[in-house]
């Protein structure tokens, strides 16, 4: 799996959080998000954990310029509540516009590749 994902496996020292900065940064961010959502009422943590996880996974990370969800699935999350607010037809039209925009960009890239191959 690691080879297929073009990634690498690294190990860290036990009981030495400085050696695993990425995980520690996630923990800090997630705990901060949980604390804000709990507003001091720790008894509700089991109700808040899933919404907090969803919020983290769908919030863009500045260094990655995308949310964890978008990086994993290649698209933004579908939120049915948006459809309820603006209407199903509006969301459908937006999706069609996005598909058309991507299609046009792919056609443009294909034409450029074909042109480069003909010139070389």
Protein backbone atom coordinates (compact mmCIF):
# COMPACT_ATOMS: atom_id res chain seq x y z
CA UNK A 1 0.00 0.00 0.00
CA UNK A 2 2.79 2.40 0.88
CA UNK A 3 4.46 1.83 -2.51
CA UNK A 4 1.17 2.19 -4.38
CA UNK A 5 0.48 5.49 -2.64
CA UNK A 6 4.02 6.66 -3.41
CA UNK A 7 4.52 7.27 0.29
CA UNK A 8 7.05 6.26 2.90
CA UNK A 9 6.80 4.65 6.31
CA UNK A 10 8.54 6.43 9.15
CA UNK A 11 8.81 5.48 12.79
CA UNK A 12 9.05 7.77 15.79
CA UNK A 13 10.46 7.52 19.29
CA UNK A 14 8.14 6.45 22.08
CA UNK A 15 7.22 9.12 24.62
CA UNK A 16 8.91 11.80 22.52
CA UNK A 17 6.09 13.84 20.91
CA UNK A 18 8.52 16.24 19.22
CA UNK A 19 9.51 13.46 16.81
CA UNK A 20 5.95 13.14 15.50
CA UNK A 21 4.99 16.73 14.74
CA UNK A 22 2.22 15.93 12.26
CA UNK A 23 0.27 13.79 14.73
CA UNK A 24 0.86 16.27 17.53
CA UNK A 25 -0.41 19.13 15.34
CA UNK A 26 -3.55 17.13 14.54
CA UNK A 27 -4.10 16.40 18.25
CA UNK A 28 -3.76 20.08 19.14
CA UNK A 29 -6.13 21.19 16.36
CA UNK A 30 -8.72 18.52 17.12
CA UNK A 31 -8.67 19.11 20.89
CA UNK A 32 -9.07 22.86 20.32
CA UNK A 33 -12.04 22.22 18.02
CA UNK A 34 -13.61 19.84 20.57
CA UNK A 35 -13.14 22.33 23.41
CA UNK A 36 -14.87 25.09 21.43
CA UNK A 37 -17.77 22.82 20.52
CA UNK A 38 -18.17 21.55 24.10
CA UNK A 39 -18.24 25.06 25.60
CA UNK A 40 -17.18 23.68 28.98
CA UNK A 41 -19.84 20.91 29.14
CA UNK A 42 -17.62 17.81 29.11
CA UNK A 43 -20.60 15.47 29.55
CA UNK A 44 -21.55 16.00 25.88
CA UNK A 45 -18.22 14.88 24.37
CA UNK A 46 -19.69 11.64 22.96
CA UNK A 47 -22.31 13.68 21.07
CA UNK A 48 -19.74 16.19 19.81
CA UNK A 49 -16.96 13.84 18.65
CA UNK A 50 -18.53 12.97 15.26
CA UNK A 51 -19.47 16.56 14.31
CA UNK A 52 -15.95 17.64 15.37
CA UNK A 53 -14.39 14.90 13.21
CA UNK A 54 -16.58 15.93 10.27
CA UNK A 55 -15.64 19.59 10.76
CA UNK A 56 -11.93 18.72 10.83
CA UNK A 57 -12.12 16.48 7.76
CA UNK A 58 -14.00 19.06 5.70
CA UNK A 59 -12.02 22.16 6.71
CA UNK A 60 -9.22 23.13 4.30
CA UNK A 61 -5.68 22.89 5.68
CA UNK A 62 -3.67 25.93 4.59
CA UNK A 63 -0.44 24.03 3.89
CA UNK A 64 -2.29 21.49 1.72
CA UNK A 65 -4.72 24.00 0.18
CA UNK A 66 -7.49 21.41 0.53
CA UNK A 67 -9.47 19.55 3.16
CA UNK A 68 -8.51 16.00 4.22
CA UNK A 69 -11.80 14.83 2.66
CA UNK A 70 -10.97 16.43 -0.70
CA UNK A 71 -7.45 14.98 -0.67
CA UNK A 72 -8.80 11.49 0.02
CA UNK A 73 -11.81 11.51 -2.33
CA UNK A 74 -10.83 14.14 -4.90
CA UNK A 75 -13.98 16.20 -4.36
CA UNK A 76 -15.69 18.33 -1.76
CA UNK A 77 -18.14 16.70 0.62
CA UNK A 78 -21.78 16.60 -0.47
CA UNK A 79 -23.87 18.33 2.17
CA UNK A 80 -27.61 17.79 1.73
CA UNK A 81 -28.32 20.76 4.03
CA UNK A 82 -27.00 23.11 1.34
CA UNK A 83 -29.44 21.56 -1.11
CA UNK A 84 -32.29 22.25 1.34
CA UNK A 85 -31.25 25.90 1.74
CA UNK A 86 -30.75 26.84 -1.93
CA UNK A 87 -32.94 24.26 -3.62
CA UNK A 88 -32.16 20.99 -5.34
CA UNK A 89 -32.27 22.47 -8.85
CA UNK A 90 -29.70 25.14 -7.97
CA UNK A 91 -27.30 22.49 -6.63
CA UNK A 92 -27.89 20.33 -9.71
CA UNK A 93 -27.12 23.26 -12.03
CA UNK A 94 -23.95 24.06 -10.07
CA UNK A 95 -22.82 20.43 -10.42
CA UNK A 96 -23.46 20.50 -14.17
CA UNK A 97 -21.49 23.75 -14.45
CA UNK A 98 -18.59 22.18 -12.55
CA UNK A 99 -18.65 19.08 -14.77
CA UNK A 100 -18.70 21.24 -17.90
CA UNK A 101 -15.81 23.38 -16.62
CA UNK A 102 -13.70 20.29 -15.85
CA UNK A 103 -14.59 18.72 -19.21
CA UNK A 104 -13.48 21.86 -21.07
CA UNK A 105 -10.20 21.97 -19.14
CA UNK A 106 -9.49 18.29 -19.90
CA UNK A 107 -10.21 18.80 -23.60
CA UNK A 108 -7.87 21.81 -23.61
CA UNK A 109 -5.10 19.78 -21.93
CA UNK A 110 -5.57 16.90 -24.39
CA UNK A 111 -5.30 19.29 -27.35
CA UNK A 112 -2.11 20.80 -25.92
CA UNK A 113 -0.56 17.34 -25.42
CA UNK A 114 -1.49 16.31 -28.95
CA UNK A 115 0.00 19.55 -30.33
CA UNK A 116 3.26 19.01 -28.40
CA UNK A 117 3.54 15.44 -29.70
CA UNK A 118 3.05 16.61 -33.29
CA UNK A 119 5.76 19.26 -32.92
CA UNK A 120 8.35 16.82 -31.50
